[in-house]
Protein backbone atom coordinates (compact mmCIF):
# COMPACT_ATOMS: atom_id res chain seq x y z
CA MET A 1 29.20 -14.59 34.03
CA GLN A 2 31.36 -13.87 31.04
CA ASP A 3 34.74 -12.20 31.65
CA ILE A 4 35.11 -8.77 30.08
CA LYS A 5 38.65 -7.77 29.21
CA GLY A 6 39.82 -4.87 31.34
CA VAL A 7 37.01 -5.20 33.90
CA GLN A 8 37.40 -6.73 37.36
CA PHE A 9 34.73 -6.98 40.02
CA VAL A 10 35.50 -6.60 43.71
CA THR A 11 33.39 -8.83 45.94
CA ASP A 12 32.62 -8.91 49.65
CA SER A 13 33.20 -11.92 51.90
CA VAL A 14 30.07 -13.68 50.64
CA GLY A 15 30.68 -13.03 46.95
CA HIS A 16 28.41 -10.03 46.34
CA LYS A 17 29.81 -7.55 43.84
CA VAL A 18 30.54 -4.29 45.65
CA ALA A 19 32.81 -2.44 43.22
CA VAL A 20 34.33 -2.59 39.78
CA GLN A 21 37.81 -1.82 38.52
CA LEU A 22 38.20 -0.61 34.94
CA ASP A 23 41.40 -0.64 32.92
CA LEU A 24 41.54 3.03 31.94
CA GLU A 25 43.62 2.27 28.86
CA GLN A 26 40.64 0.35 27.52
CA TRP A 27 37.69 1.97 29.28
CA GLY A 28 38.89 5.52 29.96
CA ASP A 29 36.39 7.17 27.63
CA LEU A 30 33.51 5.28 29.24
CA TRP A 31 34.74 6.20 32.73
CA GLU A 32 34.92 9.88 31.74
CA ASP A 33 31.28 9.71 30.61
CA ILE A 34 30.24 8.03 33.86
CA TYR A 35 32.17 10.54 35.95
CA ASP A 36 30.77 13.52 34.03
CA THR A 37 27.24 12.20 34.65
CA ILE A 38 27.91 11.82 38.38
CA VAL A 39 29.30 15.37 38.62
CA ALA A 40 26.38 16.82 36.63
CA ARG A 41 23.84 15.12 38.89
CA THR A 42 25.52 16.38 42.06
CA ARG A 43 25.47 19.93 40.67
CA ALA A 44 21.89 19.83 39.36
CA SER A 45 20.54 21.91 42.25
CA GLU A 46 23.27 24.58 42.11
CA SER A 47 22.37 28.06 40.94
CA ARG A 48 23.04 28.88 37.32
CA MET A 49 23.94 31.95 35.29
CA THR A 50 23.64 32.77 31.63
CA LEU A 51 26.68 32.72 29.38
CA ASN A 52 26.37 36.49 28.93
CA ASP A 53 26.38 37.07 32.70
CA PHE A 54 29.39 34.77 33.08
CA GLU A 55 31.28 36.59 30.33
CA ASP A 56 30.41 39.95 31.94
CA GLU A 57 31.76 38.68 35.27
CA LEU A 58 34.99 37.55 33.62
CA ARG A 59 35.38 40.92 31.91
CA THR A 60 34.82 42.71 35.24
CA GLU A 61 37.55 40.58 36.80
CA GLY A 62 39.88 41.31 33.85
CA LEU A 63 39.96 37.66 32.79
CA LEU A 64 38.27 38.14 29.42
CA SER A 65 38.68 40.81 26.77
CA GLU A 66 36.26 41.74 24.02
């Protein structure tokens, strides 16, 4: 397999790839996209509220003004 600059694979005792290390200087933007996708998928079943309801809640708590 071709080496990719800034990417290292971690292997188990028999050589199977089990993890990857990314140089965040080079691949930070890609990692942020991957991480955001993971977070979004884990939150997919959470309840939601409309933007208007959220703004109303912030106003009630004194955290947002008109």
